[in-house]
């Protein structure tokens, strides 16, 4: 184990829960939410993070690399 007793306790608890629920992360989550609800204190629910989208360029390698010192890859050998 490490020199950090708090970290060791976290790892021990995680291993215990994983063994108790056969590694089923959904079952562990349900269990923890039930325990949290029974405790009765305030809970924090955050909205999901927005999905990041990526724009794929429809320009050719030659168009994107025009004006740079980078040469486009030779795609003739791959086909």
PDB file of N, CA and C in Angstrom:
ATOM      1  N   UNK A   1       0.824  -1.184   0.000  1.00  0.00           N
ATOM      2  CA  UNK A   1       0.000   0.000   0.000  1.00  0.00           C
ATOM      3  C   UNK A   1       0.875   1.257   0.000  1.00  0.00           C
ATOM      4  N   UNK A   2       0.210   2.404  -0.091  1.00  0.00           N
ATOM      5  CA  UNK A   2       0.952   3.659  -0.168  1.00  0.00           C
ATOM      6  C   UNK A   2       1.169   4.255   1.224  1.00  0.00           C
ATOM      7  N   UNK A   3       1.794   5.396   1.260  1.00  0.00           N
ATOM      8  CA  UNK A   3       2.006   6.114   2.517  1.00  0.00           C
ATOM      9  C   UNK A   3       0.802   6.983   2.865  1.00  0.00           C
ATOM     10  N   UNK A   4      -0.215   6.975   2.027  1.00  0.00           N
ATOM     11  CA  UNK A   4      -1.392   7.817   2.216  1.00  0.00           C
ATOM     12  C   UNK A   4      -2.534   6.962   2.763  1.00  0.00           C
ATOM     13  N   UNK A   5      -2.839   7.102   4.049  1.00  0.00           N
ATOM     14  CA  UNK A   5      -3.862   6.258   4.678  1.00  0.00           C
ATOM     15  C   UNK A   5      -5.260   6.529   4.123  1.00  0.00           C
ATOM     16  N   UNK A   6      -5.538   7.760   3.743  1.00  0.00           N
ATOM     17  CA  UNK A   6      -6.854   8.083   3.179  1.00  0.00           C
ATOM     18  C   UNK A   6      -7.023   7.385   1.836  1.00  0.00           C
ATOM     19  N   UNK A   7      -6.002   7.462   1.005  1.00  0.00           N
ATOM     20  CA  UNK A   7      -6.047   6.802  -0.297  1.00  0.00           C
ATOM     21  C   UNK A   7      -6.162   5.288  -0.134  1.00  0.00           C
ATOM     22  N   UNK A   8      -5.440   4.745   0.829  1.00  0.00           N
ATOM     23  CA  UNK A   8      -5.535   3.303   1.091  1.00  0.00           C
ATOM     24  C   UNK A   8      -6.948   2.909   1.493  1.00  0.00           C
ATOM     25  N   UNK A   9      -7.599   3.734   2.318  1.00  0.00           N
ATOM     26  CA  UNK A   9      -8.974   3.446   2.743  1.00  0.00           C
ATOM     27  C   UNK A   9      -9.936   3.505   1.559  1.00  0.00           C
ATOM     28  N   UNK A  10      -9.735   4.463   0.670  1.00  0.00           N
ATOM     29  CA  UNK A  10     -10.581   4.567  -0.529  1.00  0.00           C
ATOM     30  C   UNK A  10     -10.430   3.314  -1.384  1.00  0.00           C
ATOM     31  N   UNK A  11      -9.205   2.866  -1.608  1.00  0.00           N
ATOM     32  CA  UNK A  11      -8.969   1.669  -2.419  1.00  0.00           C
ATOM     33  C   UNK A  11      -9.562   0.428  -1.756  1.00  0.00           C
ATOM     34  N   UNK A  12      -9.452   0.339  -0.441  1.00  0.00           N
ATOM     35  CA  UNK A  12     -10.001  -0.800   0.289  1.00  0.00           C
ATOM     36  C   UNK A  12     -11.531  -0.831   0.168  1.00  0.00           C
ATOM     37  N   UNK A  13     -12.160   0.333   0.301  1.00  0.00           N
ATOM     38  CA  UNK A  13     -13.615   0.426   0.185  1.00  0.00           C
ATOM     39  C   UNK A  13     -14.067   0.072  -1.228  1.00  0.00           C
ATOM     40  N   UNK A  14     -13.354   0.572  -2.227  1.00  0.00           N
ATOM     41  CA  UNK A  14     -13.700   0.266  -3.616  1.00  0.00           C
ATOM     42  C   UNK A  14     -13.597  -1.228  -3.881  1.00  0.00           C
ATOM     43  N   UNK A  15     -12.540  -1.857  -3.399  1.00  0.00           N
ATOM     44  CA  UNK A  15     -12.358  -3.300  -3.596  1.00  0.00           C
ATOM     45  C   UNK A  15     -13.453  -4.087  -2.890  1.00  0.00           C
ATOM     46  N   UNK A  16     -13.821  -3.650  -1.687  1.00  0.00           N
ATOM     47  CA  UNK A  16     -14.885  -4.317  -0.931  1.00  0.00           C
ATOM     48  C   UNK A  16     -16.217  -4.233  -1.677  1.00  0.00           C
ATOM     49  N   UNK A  17     -16.555  -3.038  -2.180  1.00  0.00           N
ATOM     50  CA  UNK A  17     -17.804  -2.873  -2.934  1.00  0.00           C
ATOM     51  C   UNK A  17     -17.772  -3.688  -4.229  1.00  0.00           C
ATOM     52  N   UNK A  18     -16.636  -3.690  -4.902  1.00  0.00           N
ATOM     53  CA  UNK A  18     -16.514  -4.452  -6.138  1.00  0.00           C
ATOM     54  C   UNK A  18     -16.720  -5.939  -5.880  1.00  0.00           C
ATOM     55  N   UNK A  19     -16.131  -6.447  -4.798  1.00  0.00           N
ATOM     56  CA  UNK A  19     -16.316  -7.860  -4.445  1.00  0.00           C
ATOM     57  C   UNK A  19     -17.760  -8.148  -4.066  1.00  0.00           C
ATOM     58  N   UNK A  20     -18.360  -7.237  -3.293  1.00  0.00           N
ATOM     59  CA  UNK A  20     -19.737  -7.419  -2.823  1.00  0.00           C
ATOM     60  C   UNK A  20     -20.728  -7.486  -3.980  1.00  0.00           C
ATOM     61  N   UNK A  21     -20.492  -6.723  -5.035  1.00  0.00           N
ATOM     62  CA  UNK A  21     -21.431  -6.650  -6.150  1.00  0.00           C
ATOM     63  C   UNK A  21     -20.881  -7.293  -7.417  1.00  0.00           C
ATOM     64  N   UNK A  22     -19.883  -8.115  -7.281  1.00  0.00           N
ATOM     65  CA  UNK A  22     -19.341  -8.844  -8.419  1.00  0.00           C
ATOM     66  C   UNK A  22     -18.803  -7.951  -9.524  1.00  0.00           C
ATOM     67  N   UNK A  23     -18.326  -6.764  -9.165  1.00  0.00           N
ATOM     68  CA  UNK A  23     -17.761  -5.854 -10.161  1.00  0.00           C
ATOM     69  C   UNK A  23     -18.801  -5.140 -11.012  1.00  0.00           C
ATOM     70  N   UNK A  24     -20.091  -5.300 -10.693  1.00  0.00           N
ATOM     71  CA  UNK A  24     -21.166  -4.668 -11.471  1.00  0.00           C
ATOM     72  C   UNK A  24     -21.285  -3.203 -11.058  1.00  0.00           C
ATOM     73  N   UNK A  25     -20.769  -2.307 -11.882  1.00  0.00           N
ATOM     74  CA  UNK A  25     -20.731  -0.884 -11.543  1.00  0.00           C
ATOM     75  C   UNK A  25     -22.133  -0.303 -11.408  1.00  0.00           C
ATOM     76  N   UNK A  26     -23.106  -0.815 -12.176  1.00  0.00           N
ATOM     77  CA  UNK A  26     -24.476  -0.323 -12.057  1.00  0.00           C
ATOM     78  C   UNK A  26     -25.059  -0.695 -10.696  1.00  0.00           C
ATOM     79  N   UNK A  27     -24.801  -1.910 -10.239  1.00  0.00           N
ATOM     80  CA  UNK A  27     -25.292  -2.349  -8.931  1.00  0.00           C
ATOM     81  C   UNK A  27     -24.631  -1.546  -7.811  1.00  0.00           C
ATOM     82  N   UNK A  28     -23.349  -1.263  -7.955  1.00  0.00           N
ATOM     83  CA  UNK A  28     -22.648  -0.451  -6.955  1.00  0.00           C
ATOM     84  C   UNK A  28     -23.274   0.942  -6.901  1.00  0.00           C
ATOM     85  N   UNK A  29     -23.541   1.518  -8.063  1.00  0.00           N
ATOM     86  CA  UNK A  29     -24.159   2.848  -8.121  1.00  0.00           C
ATOM     87  C   UNK A  29     -25.533   2.864  -7.468  1.00  0.00           C
ATOM     88  N   UNK A  30     -26.355   1.842  -7.760  1.00  0.00           N
ATOM     89  CA  UNK A  30     -27.690   1.761  -7.131  1.00  0.00           C
ATOM     90  C   UNK A  30     -27.560   1.683  -5.616  1.00  0.00           C
ATOM     91  N   UNK A  31     -26.639   0.844  -5.153  1.00  0.00           N
ATOM     92  CA  UNK A  31     -26.423   0.677  -3.717  1.00  0.00           C
ATOM     93  C   UNK A  31     -26.028   2.002  -3.066  1.00  0.00           C
ATOM     94  N   UNK A  32     -25.097   2.708  -3.675  1.00  0.00           N
ATOM     95  CA  UNK A  32     -24.630   3.969  -3.096  1.00  0.00           C
ATOM     96  C   UNK A  32     -25.718   5.035  -3.110  1.00  0.00           C
ATOM     97  N   UNK A  33     -26.532   5.065  -4.179  1.00  0.00           N
ATOM     98  CA  UNK A  33     -27.643   6.028  -4.217  1.00  0.00           C
ATOM     99  C   UNK A  33     -28.680   5.709  -3.139  1.00  0.00           C
ATOM    100  N   UNK A  34     -28.942   4.413  -2.906  1.00  0.00           N
ATOM    101  CA  UNK A  34     -29.879   4.025  -1.849  1.00  0.00           C
ATOM    102  C   UNK A  34     -29.341   4.448  -0.482  1.00  0.00           C
ATOM    103  N   UNK A  35     -28.065   4.214  -0.237  1.00  0.00           N
ATOM    104  CA  UNK A  35     -27.459   4.618   1.038  1.00  0.00           C
ATOM    105  C   UNK A  35     -27.527   6.130   1.216  1.00  0.00           C
ATOM    106  N   UNK A  36     -27.303   6.846   0.133  1.00  0.00           N
ATOM    107  CA  UNK A  36     -27.331   8.300   0.197  1.00  0.00           C
ATOM    108  C   UNK A  36     -28.746   8.788   0.518  1.00  0.00           C
ATOM    109  N   UNK A  37     -29.756   8.157  -0.089  1.00  0.00           N
ATOM    110  CA  UNK A  37     -31.145   8.544   0.160  1.00  0.00           C
ATOM    111  C   UNK A  37     -31.538   8.256   1.606  1.00  0.00           C
ATOM    112  N   UNK A  38     -31.076   7.147   2.163  1.00  0.00           N
ATOM    113  CA  UNK A  38     -31.393   6.792   3.542  1.00  0.00           C
ATOM    114  C   UNK A  38     -30.747   7.751   4.536  1.00  0.00           C
ATOM    115  N   UNK A  39     -29.608   8.286   4.177  1.00  0.00           N
ATOM    116  CA  UNK A  39     -28.896   9.208   5.055  1.00  0.00           C
ATOM    117  C   UNK A  39     -29.686  10.491   5.252  1.00  0.00           C
ATOM    118  N   UNK A  40     -30.415  10.892   4.212  1.00  0.00           N
ATOM    119  CA  UNK A  40     -31.325  12.022   4.333  1.00  0.00           C
ATOM    120  C   UNK A  40     -30.735  13.393   4.111  1.00  0.00           C
ATOM    121  N   UNK A  41     -29.458  13.524   3.969  1.00  0.00           N
ATOM    122  CA  UNK A  41     -28.851  14.839   3.771  1.00  0.00           C
ATOM    123  C   UNK A  41     -29.077  15.341   2.358  1.00  0.00           C
ATOM    124  N   UNK A  42     -28.635  16.547   2.086  1.00  0.00           N
ATOM    125  CA  UNK A  42     -28.784  17.081   0.736  1.00  0.00           C
ATOM    126  C   UNK A  42     -27.903  16.310  -0.251  1.00  0.00           C
ATOM    127  N   UNK A  43     -28.396  16.191  -1.450  1.00  0.00           N
ATOM    128  CA  UNK A  43     -27.619  15.541  -2.503  1.00  0.00           C
ATOM    129  C   UNK A  43     -27.395  16.531  -3.635  1.00  0.00           C
ATOM    130  N   UNK A  44     -26.323  16.351  -4.326  1.00  0.00           N
ATOM    131  CA  UNK A  44     -25.992  17.218  -5.451  1.00  0.00           C
ATOM    132  C   UNK A  44     -26.178  16.422  -6.728  1.00  0.00           C
ATOM    133  N   UNK A  45     -27.007  16.925  -7.606  1.00  0.00           N
ATOM    134  CA  UNK A  45     -27.200  16.305  -8.915  1.00  0.00           C
ATOM    135  C   UNK A  45     -26.791  17.330  -9.953  1.00  0.00           C
ATOM    136  N   UNK A  46     -25.822  16.965 -10.737  1.00  0.00           N
ATOM    137  CA  UNK A  46     -25.331  17.893 -11.751  1.00  0.00           C
ATOM    138  C   UNK A  46     -25.878  17.504 -13.114  1.00  0.00           C
ATOM    139  N   UNK A  47     -26.104  18.498 -13.962  1.00  0.00           N
ATOM    140  CA  UNK A  47     -26.547  18.176 -15.314  1.00  0.00           C
ATOM    141  C   UNK A  47     -25.426  17.486 -16.071  1.00  0.00           C
ATOM    142  N   UNK A  48     -25.777  16.659 -17.046  1.00  0.00           N
ATOM    143  CA  UNK A  48     -24.726  15.990 -17.815  1.00  0.00           C
ATOM    144  C   UNK A  48     -23.883  17.009 -18.570  1.00  0.00           C
ATOM    145  N   UNK A  49     -22.630  16.655 -18.753  1.00  0.00           N
ATOM    146  CA  UNK A  49     -21.748  17.527 -19.519  1.00  0.00           C
ATOM    147  C   UNK A  49     -22.180  17.521 -20.979  1.00  0.00           C
ATOM    148  N   UNK A  50     -22.055  18.648 -21.659  1.00  0.00           N
ATOM    149  CA  UNK A  50     -22.432  18.675 -23.071  1.00  0.00           C
ATOM    150  C   UNK A  50     -21.519  17.775 -23.899  1.00  0.00           C
ATOM    151  N   UNK A  51     -22.082  17.222 -24.933  1.00  0.00           N
ATOM    152  CA  UNK A  51     -21.323  16.353 -25.823  1.00  0.00           C
ATOM    153  C   UNK A  51     -20.490  17.224 -26.744  1.00  0.00           C
ATOM    154  N   UNK A  52     -19.204  16.905 -26.805  1.00  0.00           N
ATOM    155  CA  UNK A  52     -18.332  17.655 -27.703  1.00  0.00           C
ATOM    156  C   UNK A  52     -18.472  17.096 -29.108  1.00  0.00           C
ATOM    157  N   UNK A  53     -18.630  17.980 -30.047  1.00  0.00           N
ATOM    158  CA  UNK A  53     -18.735  17.542 -31.439  1.00  0.00           C
ATOM    159  C   UNK A  53     -17.509  18.037 -32.200  1.00  0.00           C
ATOM    160  N   UNK A  54     -17.152  17.292 -33.191  1.00  0.00           N
ATOM    161  CA  UNK A  54     -16.006  17.637 -34.011  1.00  0.00           C
ATOM    162  C   UNK A  54     -16.482  17.812 -35.445  1.00  0.00           C
ATOM    163  N   UNK A  55     -15.950  18.816 -36.088  1.00  0.00           N
ATOM    164  CA  UNK A  55     -16.288  19.084 -37.473  1.00  0.00           C
ATOM    165  C   UNK A  55     -15.232  18.413 -38.344  1.00  0.00           C
ATOM    166  N   UNK A  56     -15.695  17.591 -39.255  1.00  0.00           N
ATOM    167  CA  UNK A  56     -14.782  16.917 -40.173  1.00  0.00           C
ATOM    168  C   UNK A  56     -14.698  17.757 -41.429  1.00  0.00           C
ATOM    169  N   UNK A  57     -13.488  18.082 -41.784  1.00  0.00           N
ATOM    170  CA  UNK A  57     -13.276  18.909 -42.961  1.00  0.00           C
ATOM    171  C   UNK A  57     -13.512  18.096 -44.227  1.00  0.00           C
ATOM    172  N   UNK A  58     -14.204  18.693 -45.175  1.00  0.00           N
ATOM    173  CA  UNK A  58     -14.437  18.031 -46.459  1.00  0.00           C
ATOM    174  C   UNK A  58     -13.385  18.449 -47.481  1.00  0.00           C
ATOM    175  N   UNK A  59     -12.464  19.308 -47.029  1.00  0.00           N
ATOM    176  CA  UNK A  59     -11.410  19.723 -47.943  1.00  0.00           C
ATOM    177  C   UNK A  59     -10.389  18.607 -48.088  1.00  0.00           C
ATOM    178  N   UNK A  60      -9.741  18.577 -49.210  1.00  0.00           N
ATOM    179  CA  UNK A  60      -8.710  17.571 -49.442  1.00  0.00           C
ATOM    180  C   UNK A  60      -7.446  17.947 -48.668  1.00  0.00           C
ATOM    181  N   UNK A  61      -6.548  16.977 -48.545  1.00  0.00           N
ATOM    182  CA  UNK A  61      -5.277  17.243 -47.875  1.00  0.00           C
ATOM    183  C   UNK A  61      -4.553  18.407 -48.547  1.00  0.00           C
ATOM    184  N   UNK A  62      -4.604  18.438 -49.858  1.00  0.00           N
ATOM    185  CA  UNK A  62      -3.906  19.496 -50.586  1.00  0.00           C
ATOM    186  C   UNK A  62      -4.481  20.866 -50.237  1.00  0.00           C
ATOM    187  N   UNK A  63      -5.807  20.965 -50.143  1.00  0.00           N
ATOM    188  CA  UNK A  63      -6.437  22.247 -49.826  1.00  0.00           C
ATOM    189  C   UNK A  63      -6.107  22.691 -48.400  1.00  0.00           C
ATOM    190  N   UNK A  64      -6.131  21.751 -47.450  1.00  0.00           N
ATOM    191  CA  UNK A  64      -5.860  22.095 -46.058  1.00  0.00           C
ATOM    192  C   UNK A  64      -4.406  22.484 -45.842  1.00  0.00           C
ATOM    193  N   UNK A  65      -3.504  21.869 -46.573  1.00  0.00           N
ATOM    194  CA  UNK A  65      -2.082  22.107 -46.357  1.00  0.00           C
ATOM    195  C   UNK A  65      -1.503  23.162 -47.295  1.00  0.00           C
ATOM    196  N   UNK A  66      -2.331  23.747 -48.129  1.00  0.00           N
ATOM    197  CA  UNK A  66      -1.855  24.775 -49.059  1.00  0.00           C
ATOM    198  C   UNK A  66      -1.284  25.944 -48.263  1.00  0.00           C
ATOM    199  N   UNK A  67      -0.139  26.408 -48.668  1.00  0.00           N
ATOM    200  CA  UNK A  67       0.494  27.536 -48.006  1.00  0.00           C
ATOM    201  C   UNK A  67       1.319  27.149 -46.795  1.00  0.00           C
ATOM    202  N   UNK A  68       1.421  25.849 -46.512  1.00  0.00           N
ATOM    203  CA  UNK A  68       2.273  25.405 -45.396  1.00  0.00           C
ATOM    204  C   UNK A  68       3.456  24.645 -45.968  1.00  0.00           C
ATOM    205  N   UNK A  69       4.404  24.346 -45.123  1.00  0.00           N
ATOM    206  CA  UNK A  69       5.569  23.593 -45.588  1.00  0.00           C
ATOM    207  C   UNK A  69       5.337  22.083 -45.459  1.00  0.00           C
ATOM    208  N   UNK A  70       4.158  21.682 -44.979  1.00  0.00           N
ATOM    209  CA  UNK A  70       3.848  20.262 -44.798  1.00  0.00           C
ATOM    210  C   UNK A  70       3.349  19.689 -46.117  1.00  0.00           C
ATOM    211  N   UNK A  71       3.883  18.528 -46.483  1.00  0.00           N
ATOM    212  CA  UNK A  71       3.445  17.892 -47.717  1.00  0.00           C
ATOM    213  C   UNK A  71       2.319  16.920 -47.380  1.00  0.00           C
ATOM    214  N   UNK A  72       1.299  16.857 -48.226  1.00  0.00           N
ATOM    215  CA  UNK A  72       0.208  15.922 -47.986  1.00  0.00           C
ATOM    216  C   UNK A  72       0.710  14.489 -48.113  1.00  0.00           C
ATOM    217  N   UNK A  73       0.081  13.547 -47.394  1.00  0.00           N
ATOM    218  CA  UNK A  73       0.521  12.157 -47.477  1.00  0.00           C
ATOM    219  C   UNK A  73       0.268  11.572 -48.848  1.00  0.00           C
ATOM    220  N   UNK A  74       1.116  10.642 -49.237  1.00  0.00           N
ATOM    221  CA  UNK A  74       0.958   9.950 -50.515  1.00  0.00           C
ATOM    222  C   UNK A  74      -0.041   8.823 -50.316  1.00  0.00           C
ATOM    223  N   UNK A  75      -1.228   8.981 -50.843  1.00  0.00           N
ATOM    224  CA  UNK A  75      -2.292   7.993 -50.630  1.00  0.00           C
ATOM    225  C   UNK A  75      -2.349   6.955 -51.776  1.00  0.00           C
ATOM    226  N   UNK A  76      -1.520   7.123 -52.782  1.00  0.00           N
ATOM    227  CA  UNK A  76      -1.569   6.208 -53.925  1.00  0.00           C
ATOM    228  C   UNK A  76      -1.077   4.815 -53.537  1.00  0.00           C
ATOM    229  N   UNK A  77      -0.160   4.714 -52.611  1.00  0.00           N
ATOM    230  CA  UNK A  77       0.377   3.403 -52.194  1.00  0.00           C
ATOM    231  C   UNK A  77      -0.605   2.631 -51.347  1.00  0.00           C
ATOM    232  N   UNK A  78      -1.503   3.322 -50.657  1.00  0.00           N
ATOM    233  CA  UNK A  78      -2.464   2.657 -49.751  1.00  0.00           C
ATOM    234  C   UNK A  78      -3.601   2.006 -50.512  1.00  0.00           C
ATOM    235  N   UNK A  79      -3.825   2.386 -51.738  1.00  0.00           N
ATOM    236  CA  UNK A  79      -4.989   1.859 -52.460  1.00  0.00           C
ATOM    237  C   UNK A  79      -4.663   0.670 -53.295  1.00  0.00           C
TER     238      UNK A  79
END
